[in-house]
Structure formats: structure tokens, C-alpha cells
Amino acid sequence: LDTLVRLANRLGVTIDYMLADSVSDNDSNIIEQFRQITDCQPLE
């Protein structure tokens, strides 16, 4: 991970861009992404 971060920083790209081909877009993955985004947010 350390090497990947150094590479991404040097190349001027994000880690998610580098790994986009490795992450599958299925329903459970999408729902988990929503959960991660909203977990720390207030109810409103």
C-alpha cells in the first residue's frame, strides 16, 4: 500500500483511479459505499 500511495502521488492520480478495474460494481458493493459515506453523518 505504501508503494501504491507513493506511485499515485508521483503520477498525480488517485488510489481509486488506480484500483478502479479491481473493484466490482455489484449491488452489495454499491450499498457498502453508501453506508461508508453516510455512517458519520447526522440523521438529518
All heavy atoms as atom14 arrays in JSON, in Angstrom:
{
  "sequence": "LDTLVRLANRLGVTIDYMLADSVSDNDSNIIEQFRQITDCQPLE",
  "atom14_mask": [
    [1, 1, 1, 1, 1, 1, 1, 1, 0, 0, 0, 0, 0, 0],
    [1, 1, 1, 1, 1, 1, 1, 1, 0, 0, 0, 0, 0, 0],
    [1, 1, 1, 1, 1, 1, 1, 0, 0, 0, 0, 0, 0, 0],
    [1, 1, 1, 1, 1, 1, 1, 1, 0, 0, 0, 0, 0, 0],
    [1, 1, 1, 1, 1, 1, 1, 0, 0, 0, 0, 0, 0, 0],
    [1, 1, 1, 1, 1, 1, 1, 1, 1, 1, 1, 0, 0, 0],
    [1, 1, 1, 1, 1, 1, 1, 1, 0, 0, 0, 0, 0, 0],
    [1, 1, 1, 1, 1, 0, 0, 0, 0, 0, 0, 0, 0, 0],
    [1, 1, 1, 1, 1, 1, 1, 1, 0, 0, 0, 0, 0, 0],
    [1, 1, 1, 1, 1, 1, 1, 1, 1, 1, 1, 0, 0, 0],
    [1, 1, 1, 1, 1, 1, 1, 1, 0, 0, 0, 0, 0, 0],
    [1, 1, 1, 1, 0, 0, 0, 0, 0, 0, 0, 0, 0, 0],
    [1, 1, 1, 1, 1, 1, 1, 0, 0, 0, 0, 0, 0, 0],
    [1, 1, 1, 1, 1, 1, 1, 0, 0, 0, 0, 0, 0, 0],
    [1, 1, 1, 1, 1, 1, 1, 1, 0, 0, 0, 0, 0, 0],
    [1, 1, 1, 1, 1, 1, 1, 1, 0, 0, 0, 0, 0, 0],
    [1, 1, 1, 1, 1, 1, 1, 1, 1, 1, 1, 1, 0, 0],
    [1, 1, 1, 1, 1, 1, 1, 1, 0, 0, 0, 0, 0, 0],
    [1, 1, 1, 1, 1, 1, 1, 1, 0, 0, 0, 0, 0, 0],
    [1, 1, 1, 1, 1, 0, 0, 0, 0, 0, 0, 0, 0, 0],
    [1, 1, 1, 1, 1, 1, 1, 1, 0, 0, 0, 0, 0, 0],
    [1, 1, 1, 1, 1, 1, 0, 0, 0, 0, 0, 0, 0, 0],
    [1, 1, 1, 1, 1, 1, 1, 0, 0, 0, 0, 0, 0, 0],
    [1, 1, 1, 1, 1, 1, 0, 0, 0, 0, 0, 0, 0, 0],
    [1, 1, 1, 1, 1, 1, 1, 1, 0, 0, 0, 0, 0, 0],
    [1, 1, 1, 1, 1, 1, 1, 1, 0, 0, 0, 0, 0, 0],
    [1, 1, 1, 1, 1, 1, 1, 1, 0, 0, 0, 0, 0, 0],
    [1, 1, 1, 1, 1, 1, 0, 0, 0, 0, 0, 0, 0, 0],
    [1, 1, 1, 1, 1, 1, 1, 1, 0, 0, 0, 0, 0, 0],
    [1, 1, 1, 1, 1, 1, 1, 1, 0, 0, 0, 0, 0, 0],
    [1, 1, 1, 1, 1, 1, 1, 1, 0, 0, 0, 0, 0, 0],
    [1, 1, 1, 1, 1, 1, 1, 1, 1, 0, 0, 0, 0, 0],
    [1, 1, 1, 1, 1, 1, 1, 1, 1, 0, 0, 0, 0, 0],
    [1, 1, 1, 1, 1, 1, 1, 1, 1, 1, 1, 0, 0, 0],
    [1, 1, 1, 1, 1, 1, 1, 1, 1, 1, 1, 0, 0, 0],
    [1, 1, 1, 1, 1, 1, 1, 1, 1, 0, 0, 0, 0, 0],
    [1, 1, 1, 1, 1, 1, 1, 1, 0, 0, 0, 0, 0, 0],
    [1, 1, 1, 1, 1, 1, 1, 0, 0, 0, 0, 0, 0, 0],
    [1, 1, 1, 1, 1, 1, 1, 1, 0, 0, 0, 0, 0, 0],
    [1, 1, 1, 1, 1, 1, 0, 0, 0, 0, 0, 0, 0, 0],
    [1, 1, 1, 1, 1, 1, 1, 1, 1, 0, 0, 0, 0, 0],
    [1, 1, 1, 1, 1, 1, 1, 0, 0, 0, 0, 0, 0, 0],
    [1, 1, 1, 1, 1, 1, 1, 1, 0, 0, 0, 0, 0, 0],
    [1, 1, 1, 1, 1, 1, 1, 1, 1, 0, 0, 0, 0, 0]
  ],
  "atom14_positions": [
    [[0.84, -1.2, 0.0], [0.0, 0.0, 0.0], [0.87, 1.25, 0.0], [0.59, 2.21, -0.72], [-0.94, -0.01, 1.21], [-1.89, 1.16, 1.34], [-2.78, 1.27, 0.1], [-2.75, 1.01, 2.59], [0.0, 0.0, 0.0], [0.0, 0.0, 0.0], [0.0, 0.0, 0.0], [0.0, 0.0, 0.0], [0.0, 0.0, 0.0], [0.0, 0.0, 0.0]],
    [[1.95, 1.22, 0.74], [2.86, 2.35, 0.8], [3.42, 2.67, -0.59], [3.46, 3.82, -1.0], [4.0, 2.06, 1.79], [4.96, 3.21, 1.91], [4.52, 4.32, 2.27], [6.17, 3.01, 1.65], [0.0, 0.0, 0.0], [0.0, 0.0, 0.0], [0.0, 0.0, 0.0], [0.0, 0.0, 0.0], [0.0, 0.0, 0.0], [0.0, 0.0, 0.0]],
    [[3.84, 1.64, -1.31], [4.37, 1.83, -2.66], [3.28, 2.35, -3.6], [3.52, 3.24, -4.41], [4.98, 0.53, -3.2], [6.03, 0.11, -2.33], [5.54, 0.71, -4.6], [0.0, 0.0, 0.0], [0.0, 0.0, 0.0], [0.0, 0.0, 0.0], [0.0, 0.0, 0.0], [0.0, 0.0, 0.0], [0.0, 0.0, 0.0], [0.0, 0.0, 0.0]],
    [[2.09, 1.8, -3.49], [0.97, 2.25, -4.32], [0.67, 3.73, -4.07], [0.44, 4.5, -5.01], [-0.27, 1.4, -4.07], [-1.5, 1.74, -4.91], [-1.21, 1.57, -6.4], [-2.68, 0.88, -4.49], [0.0, 0.0, 0.0], [0.0, 0.0, 0.0], [0.0, 0.0, 0.0], [0.0, 0.0, 0.0], [0.0, 0.0, 0.0], [0.0, 0.0, 0.0]],
    [[0.69, 4.15, -2.82], [0.43, 5.55, -2.47], [1.52, 6.44, -3.05], [1.23, 7.5, -3.65], [0.31, 5.73, -0.94], [0.33, 7.2, -0.56], [-0.94, 5.06, -0.43], [0.0, 0.0, 0.0], [0.0, 0.0, 0.0], [0.0, 0.0, 0.0], [0.0, 0.0, 0.0], [0.0, 0.0, 0.0], [0.0, 0.0, 0.0], [0.0, 0.0, 0.0]],
    [[2.78, 6.05, -2.91], [3.88, 6.84, -3.47], [3.75, 6.95, -4.99], [3.97, 8.01, -5.57], [5.23, 6.26, -3.06], [5.54, 6.45, -1.58], [6.99, 6.18, -1.21], [7.62, 5.07, -1.89], [7.85, 3.86, -1.36], [7.49, 3.61, -0.12], [8.44, 2.92, -2.05], [0.0, 0.0, 0.0], [0.0, 0.0, 0.0], [0.0, 0.0, 0.0]],
    [[3.4, 5.84, -5.63], [3.2, 5.84, -7.09], [2.08, 6.8, -7.49], [2.24, 7.62, -8.4], [2.86, 4.44, -7.58], [4.0, 3.57, -8.04], [3.53, 2.14, -8.27], [4.64, 4.11, -9.3], [0.0, 0.0, 0.0], [0.0, 0.0, 0.0], [0.0, 0.0, 0.0], [0.0, 0.0, 0.0], [0.0, 0.0, 0.0], [0.0, 0.0, 0.0]],
    [[0.94, 6.67, -6.83], [-0.21, 7.52, -7.15], [0.15, 9.0, -6.96], [-0.16, 9.83, -7.82], [-1.41, 7.15, -6.29], [0.0, 0.0, 0.0], [0.0, 0.0, 0.0], [0.0, 0.0, 0.0], [0.0, 0.0, 0.0], [0.0, 0.0, 0.0], [0.0, 0.0, 0.0], [0.0, 0.0, 0.0], [0.0, 0.0, 0.0], [0.0, 0.0, 0.0]],
    [[0.82, 9.32, -5.87], [1.21, 10.7, -5.62], [2.16, 11.21, -6.7], [2.01, 12.32, -7.2], [1.85, 10.85, -4.24], [0.84, 10.79, -3.13], [-0.32, 11.11, -3.31], [1.28, 10.36, -1.96], [0.0, 0.0, 0.0], [0.0, 0.0, 0.0], [0.0, 0.0, 0.0], [0.0, 0.0, 0.0], [0.0, 0.0, 0.0], [0.0, 0.0, 0.0]],
    [[3.14, 10.4, -7.05], [4.12, 10.82, -8.07], [3.47, 10.96, -9.45], [3.81, 11.86, -10.21], [5.27, 9.8, -8.13], [6.31, 10.11, -9.2], [6.97, 11.48, -8.96], [7.9, 11.82, -10.0], [7.6, 12.54, -11.09], [6.37, 12.99, -11.27], [8.52, 12.83, -11.98], [0.0, 0.0, 0.0], [0.0, 0.0, 0.0], [0.0, 0.0, 0.0]],
    [[2.52, 10.08, -9.76], [1.86, 10.11, -11.06], [0.73, 11.14, -11.11], [0.2, 11.43, -12.17], [1.32, 8.72, -11.41], [2.38, 7.64, -11.62], [1.72, 6.28, -11.76], [3.26, 7.95, -12.82], [0.0, 0.0, 0.0], [0.0, 0.0, 0.0], [0.0, 0.0, 0.0], [0.0, 0.0, 0.0], [0.0, 0.0, 0.0], [0.0, 0.0, 0.0]],
    [[0.35, 11.66, -9.94], [-0.7, 12.67, -9.89], [-2.1, 12.11, -10.11], [-2.96, 12.78, -10.68], [0.0, 0.0, 0.0], [0.0, 0.0, 0.0], [0.0, 0.0, 0.0], [0.0, 0.0, 0.0], [0.0, 0.0, 0.0], [0.0, 0.0, 0.0], [0.0, 0.0, 0.0], [0.0, 0.0, 0.0], [0.0, 0.0, 0.0], [0.0, 0.0, 0.0]],
    [[-2.3, 10.87, -9.65], [-3.61, 10.24, -9.77], [-4.06, 9.77, -8.39], [-3.28, 9.74, -7.45], [-3.58, 9.04, -10.77], [-3.25, 9.52, -12.17], [-2.61, 7.96, -10.31], [0.0, 0.0, 0.0], [0.0, 0.0, 0.0], [0.0, 0.0, 0.0], [0.0, 0.0, 0.0], [0.0, 0.0, 0.0], [0.0, 0.0, 0.0], [0.0, 0.0, 0.0]],
    [[-5.33, 9.39, -8.29], [-5.84, 8.92, -7.01], [-5.74, 7.4, -6.93], [-5.66, 6.71, -7.96], [-7.31, 9.33, -6.83], [-8.09, 8.73, -7.88], [-7.47, 10.84, -6.85], [0.0, 0.0, 0.0], [0.0, 0.0, 0.0], [0.0, 0.0, 0.0], [0.0, 0.0, 0.0], [0.0, 0.0, 0.0], [0.0, 0.0, 0.0], [0.0, 0.0, 0.0]],
    [[-5.77, 6.9, -5.72], [-5.75, 5.45, -5.49], [-6.99, 4.81, -6.1], [-6.89, 3.74, -6.73], [-5.67, 5.13, -3.98], [-4.38, 5.66, -3.37], [-5.81, 3.63, -3.74], [-3.12, 4.99, -3.82], [0.0, 0.0, 0.0], [0.0, 0.0, 0.0], [0.0, 0.0, 0.0], [0.0, 0.0, 0.0], [0.0, 0.0, 0.0], [0.0, 0.0, 0.0]],
    [[-8.15, 5.44, -5.97], [-9.36, 4.83, -6.53], [-9.27, 4.75, -8.05], [-9.73, 3.79, -8.65], [-10.64, 5.53, -6.07], [-10.73, 6.99, -6.45], [-9.68, 7.64, -6.58], [-11.86, 7.48, -6.61], [0.0, 0.0, 0.0], [0.0, 0.0, 0.0], [0.0, 0.0, 0.0], [0.0, 0.0, 0.0], [0.0, 0.0, 0.0], [0.0, 0.0, 0.0]],
    [[-8.62, 5.71, -8.68], [-8.41, 5.63, -10.13], [-7.52, 4.43, -10.46], [-7.79, 3.67, -11.39], [-7.79, 6.93, -10.66], [-7.29, 6.81, -12.08], [-8.18, 6.82, -13.14], [-5.94, 6.65, -12.36], [-7.74, 6.7, -14.45], [-5.49, 6.52, -13.66], [-6.39, 6.54, -14.7], [-5.94, 6.4, -15.99], [0.0, 0.0, 0.0], [0.0, 0.0, 0.0]],
    [[-6.46, 4.26, -9.68], [-5.51, 3.17, -9.92], [-6.18, 1.81, -9.75], [-5.86, 0.86, -10.46], [-4.32, 3.27, -8.97], [-3.52, 4.54, -9.11], [-2.48, 4.56, -10.56], [-1.12, 3.64, -9.97], [0.0, 0.0, 0.0], [0.0, 0.0, 0.0], [0.0, 0.0, 0.0], [0.0, 0.0, 0.0], [0.0, 0.0, 0.0], [0.0, 0.0, 0.0]],
    [[-7.1, 1.7, -8.8], [-7.7, 0.4, -8.48], [-9.1, 0.21, -9.06], [-9.73, -0.81, -8.8], [-7.76, 0.23, -6.96], [-6.4, 0.24, -6.24], [-6.6, 0.14, -4.74], [-5.51, -0.88, -6.74], [0.0, 0.0, 0.0], [0.0, 0.0, 0.0], [0.0, 0.0, 0.0], [0.0, 0.0, 0.0], [0.0, 0.0, 0.0], [0.0, 0.0, 0.0]],
    [[-9.57, 1.15, -9.85], [-10.94, 1.09, -10.36], [-11.25, -0.21, -11.08], [-12.36, -0.73, -10.98], [-11.22, 2.28, -11.27], [0.0, 0.0, 0.0], [0.0, 0.0, 0.0], [0.0, 0.0, 0.0], [0.0, 0.0, 0.0], [0.0, 0.0, 0.0], [0.0, 0.0, 0.0], [0.0, 0.0, 0.0], [0.0, 0.0, 0.0], [0.0, 0.0, 0.0]],
    [[-10.29, -0.75, -11.81], [-10.53, -2.0, -12.53], [-10.63, -3.21, -11.61], [-11.07, -4.27, -12.03], [-9.41, -2.25, -13.55], [-9.41, -1.21, -14.67], [-10.48, -0.62, -14.93], [-8.35, -1.0, -15.27], [0.0, 0.0, 0.0], [0.0, 0.0, 0.0], [0.0, 0.0, 0.0], [0.0, 0.0, 0.0], [0.0, 0.0, 0.0], [0.0, 0.0, 0.0]],
    [[-10.19, -3.05, -10.38], [-10.17, -4.17, -9.44], [-11.41, -4.24, -8.55], [-11.62, -5.22, -7.85], [-8.94, -4.09, -8.55], [-7.77, -4.15, -9.33], [0.0, 0.0, 0.0], [0.0, 0.0, 0.0], [0.0, 0.0, 0.0], [0.0, 0.0, 0.0], [0.0, 0.0, 0.0], [0.0, 0.0, 0.0], [0.0, 0.0, 0.0], [0.0, 0.0, 0.0]],
    [[-12.21, -3.19, -8.56], [-13.39, -3.14, -7.7], [-14.62, -3.45, -8.54], [-14.87, -2.8, -9.56], [-13.54, -1.74, -7.04], [-14.79, -1.67, -6.19], [-12.31, -1.42, -6.22], [0.0, 0.0, 0.0], [0.0, 0.0, 0.0], [0.0, 0.0, 0.0], [0.0, 0.0, 0.0], [0.0, 0.0, 0.0], [0.0, 0.0, 0.0], [0.0, 0.0, 0.0]],
    [[-15.38, -4.44, -8.11], [-16.57, -4.8, -8.87], [-17.74, -3.91, -8.46], [-17.87, -3.52, -7.3], [-16.93, -6.27, -8.64], [-17.19, -6.5, -7.28], [0.0, 0.0, 0.0], [0.0, 0.0, 0.0], [0.0, 0.0, 0.0], [0.0, 0.0, 0.0], [0.0, 0.0, 0.0], [0.0, 0.0, 0.0], [0.0, 0.0, 0.0], [0.0, 0.0, 0.0]],
    [[-18.57, -3.59, -9.43], [-19.74, -2.76, -9.17], [-20.98, -3.64, -9.06], [-21.76, -3.75, -9.98], [-19.94, -1.74, -10.29], [-18.95, -0.6, -10.23], [-18.48, -0.29, -9.13], [-18.66, -0.02, -11.28], [0.0, 0.0, 0.0], [0.0, 0.0, 0.0], [0.0, 0.0, 0.0], [0.0, 0.0, 0.0], [0.0, 0.0, 0.0], [0.0, 0.0, 0.0]],
    [[-21.12, -4.31, -7.92], [-22.34, -5.08, -7.7], [-23.16, -4.37, -6.64], [-22.7, -3.44, -5.99], [-22.01, -6.53, -7.32], [-21.14, -6.62, -6.09], [-21.31, -5.86, -5.14], [-20.19, -7.54, -6.09], [0.0, 0.0, 0.0], [0.0, 0.0, 0.0], [0.0, 0.0, 0.0], [0.0, 0.0, 0.0], [0.0, 0.0, 0.0], [0.0, 0.0, 0.0]],
    [[-24.4, -4.81, -6.47], [-25.31, -4.13, -5.55], [-24.76, -4.04, -4.13], [-24.83, -2.99, -3.5], [-26.68, -4.81, -5.53], [-27.54, -4.42, -6.72], [-27.16, -3.49, -7.46], [-28.59, -5.05, -6.92], [0.0, 0.0, 0.0], [0.0, 0.0, 0.0], [0.0, 0.0, 0.0], [0.0, 0.0, 0.0], [0.0, 0.0, 0.0], [0.0, 0.0, 0.0]],
    [[-24.2, -5.13, -3.62], [-23.73, -5.11, -2.23], [-22.55, -4.15, -2.07], [-22.42, -3.47, -1.06], [-23.37, -6.5, -1.74], [-22.32, -7.05, -2.51], [0.0, 0.0, 0.0], [0.0, 0.0, 0.0], [0.0, 0.0, 0.0], [0.0, 0.0, 0.0], [0.0, 0.0, 0.0], [0.0, 0.0, 0.0], [0.0, 0.0, 0.0], [0.0, 0.0, 0.0]],
    [[-21.7, -4.05, -3.09], [-20.58, -3.13, -3.04], [-21.07, -1.68, -3.06], [-20.58, -0.83, -2.32], [-19.62, -3.4, -4.2], [-18.34, -2.6, -4.1], [-18.05, -2.0, -3.09], [-17.58, -2.6, -5.16], [0.0, 0.0, 0.0], [0.0, 0.0, 0.0], [0.0, 0.0, 0.0], [0.0, 0.0, 0.0], [0.0, 0.0, 0.0], [0.0, 0.0, 0.0]],
    [[-22.03, -1.4, -3.92], [-22.59, -0.05, -4.0], [-23.25, 0.34, -2.69], [-23.06, 1.44, -2.17], [-23.62, 0.05, -5.16], [-22.94, -0.22, -6.51], [-24.34, 1.38, -5.16], [-21.93, 0.81, -6.93], [0.0, 0.0, 0.0], [0.0, 0.0, 0.0], [0.0, 0.0, 0.0], [0.0, 0.0, 0.0], [0.0, 0.0, 0.0], [0.0, 0.0, 0.0]],
    [[-24.02, -0.57, -2.11], [-24.68, -0.3, -0.83], [-23.65, -0.05, 0.26], [-23.81, 0.85, 1.08], [-25.65, -1.44, -0.46], [-26.83, -1.42, -1.44], [-26.11, -1.34, 0.98], [-27.71, -2.65, -1.38], [0.0, 0.0, 0.0], [0.0, 0.0, 0.0], [0.0, 0.0, 0.0], [0.0, 0.0, 0.0], [0.0, 0.0, 0.0], [0.0, 0.0, 0.0]],
    [[-22.55, -0.82, 0.25], [-21.5, -0.62, 1.24], [-20.85, 0.75, 1.06], [-20.52, 1.42, 2.05], [-20.45, -1.73, 1.14], [-19.34, -1.62, 2.16], [-19.82, -1.58, 3.61], [-20.86, -2.17, 3.94], [-19.15, -0.92, 4.44], [0.0, 0.0, 0.0], [0.0, 0.0, 0.0], [0.0, 0.0, 0.0], [0.0, 0.0, 0.0], [0.0, 0.0, 0.0]],
    [[-20.68, 1.19, -0.17], [-20.12, 2.53, -0.4], [-21.05, 3.61, 0.16], [-20.59, 4.55, 0.79], [-19.9, 2.75, -1.9], [-18.75, 1.94, -2.47], [-18.6, 2.17, -3.95], [-18.57, 3.31, -4.41], [-18.51, 1.09, -4.71], [0.0, 0.0, 0.0], [0.0, 0.0, 0.0], [0.0, 0.0, 0.0], [0.0, 0.0, 0.0], [0.0, 0.0, 0.0]],
    [[-22.36, 3.46, -0.06], [-23.32, 4.4, 0.53], [-23.21, 4.4, 2.05], [-23.21, 5.45, 2.69], [-24.75, 4.05, 0.13], [-25.17, 4.55, -1.21], [-25.52, 3.65, -2.21], [-25.23, 5.91, -1.49], [-25.9, 4.11, -3.46], [-25.62, 6.37, -2.73], [-25.96, 5.47, -3.73], [0.0, 0.0, 0.0], [0.0, 0.0, 0.0], [0.0, 0.0, 0.0]],
    [[-23.11, 3.21, 2.62], [-23.01, 3.09, 4.07], [-21.77, 3.8, 4.6], [-21.82, 4.52, 5.6], [-23.0, 1.6, 4.45], [-23.07, 1.38, 5.96], [-23.25, -0.07, 6.32], [-24.61, -0.48, 5.96], [-24.91, -1.49, 5.13], [-23.96, -2.2, 4.58], [-26.16, -1.78, 4.86], [0.0, 0.0, 0.0], [0.0, 0.0, 0.0], [0.0, 0.0, 0.0]],
    [[-20.64, 3.62, 3.92], [-19.4, 4.26, 4.36], [-19.51, 5.79, 4.3], [-19.03, 6.49, 5.18], [-18.22, 3.8, 3.5], [-17.82, 2.37, 3.76], [-16.76, 1.88, 2.79], [-16.32, 2.61, 1.91], [-16.35, 0.64, 2.94], [0.0, 0.0, 0.0], [0.0, 0.0, 0.0], [0.0, 0.0, 0.0], [0.0, 0.0, 0.0], [0.0, 0.0, 0.0]],
    [[-20.16, 6.27, 3.25], [-20.32, 7.73, 3.09], [-21.23, 8.3, 4.16], [-20.99, 9.37, 4.71], [-20.86, 8.06, 1.69], [-19.8, 7.75, 0.63], [-21.29, 9.52, 1.6], [-20.33, 7.79, -0.79], [0.0, 0.0, 0.0], [0.0, 0.0, 0.0], [0.0, 0.0, 0.0], [0.0, 0.0, 0.0], [0.0, 0.0, 0.0], [0.0, 0.0, 0.0]],
    [[-22.3, 7.59, 4.49], [-23.32, 8.15, 5.39], [-23.11, 7.82, 6.86], [-23.71, 8.47, 7.71], [-24.72, 7.66, 4.97], [-24.77, 6.24, 5.04], [-25.07, 8.14, 3.58], [0.0, 0.0, 0.0], [0.0, 0.0, 0.0], [0.0, 0.0, 0.0], [0.0, 0.0, 0.0], [0.0, 0.0, 0.0], [0.0, 0.0, 0.0], [0.0, 0.0, 0.0]],
    [[-22.29, 6.85, 7.18], [-22.12, 6.42, 8.58], [-21.85, 7.56, 9.55], [-22.43, 7.62, 10.62], [-21.01, 5.38, 8.72], [-21.52, 3.97, 8.6], [-22.75, 3.78, 8.55], [-20.69, 3.04, 8.54], [0.0, 0.0, 0.0], [0.0, 0.0, 0.0], [0.0, 0.0, 0.0], [0.0, 0.0, 0.0], [0.0, 0.0, 0.0], [0.0, 0.0, 0.0]],
    [[-20.99, 8.48, 9.19], [-20.6, 9.53, 10.14], [-21.47, 10.78, 10.03], [-21.2, 11.77, 10.69], [-19.13, 9.88, 9.94], [-18.77, 10.52, 8.29], [0.0, 0.0, 0.0], [0.0, 0.0, 0.0], [0.0, 0.0, 0.0], [0.0, 0.0, 0.0], [0.0, 0.0, 0.0], [0.0, 0.0, 0.0], [0.0, 0.0, 0.0], [0.0, 0.0, 0.0]],
    [[-22.52, 10.71, 9.24], [-23.38, 11.87, 9.05], [-24.55, 11.86, 10.04], [-25.05, 10.8, 10.4], [-23.92, 11.9, 7.62], [-22.85, 12.03, 6.57], [-22.07, 13.32, 6.68], [-22.62, 14.37, 6.98], [-20.77, 13.23, 6.46], [0.0, 0.0, 0.0], [0.0, 0.0, 0.0], [0.0, 0.0, 0.0], [0.0, 0.0, 0.0], [0.0, 0.0, 0.0]],
    [[-25.0, 13.03, 10.44], [-26.18, 13.08, 11.31], [-27.44, 12.63, 10.56], [-27.48, 12.65, 9.32], [-26.29, 14.56, 11.7], [-25.29, 15.3, 10.91], [-24.43, 14.33, 10.17], [0.0, 0.0, 0.0], [0.0, 0.0, 0.0], [0.0, 0.0, 0.0], [0.0, 0.0, 0.0], [0.0, 0.0, 0.0], [0.0, 0.0, 0.0], [0.0, 0.0, 0.0]],
    [[-28.43, 12.23, 11.3], [-29.67, 11.71, 10.74], [-30.3, 12.66, 9.73], [-30.78, 12.23, 8.68], [-30.67, 11.4, 11.87], [-31.98, 10.77, 11.46], [-31.73, 9.44, 10.75], [-32.86, 10.56, 12.68], [0.0, 0.0, 0.0], [0.0, 0.0, 0.0], [0.0, 0.0, 0.0], [0.0, 0.0, 0.0], [0.0, 0.0, 0.0], [0.0, 0.0, 0.0]],
    [[-30.29, 13.96, 10.02], [-30.9, 14.94, 9.11], [-30.22, 14.9, 7.74], [-30.88, 15.0, 6.7], [-30.81, 16.36, 9.67], [-31.33, 16.56, 11.08], [-30.29, 16.19, 12.13], [-29.14, 16.69, 12.09], [-30.64, 15.38, 13.0], [0.0, 0.0, 0.0], [0.0, 0.0, 0.0], [0.0, 0.0, 0.0], [0.0, 0.0, 0.0], [0.0, 0.0, 0.0]]
  ]
}
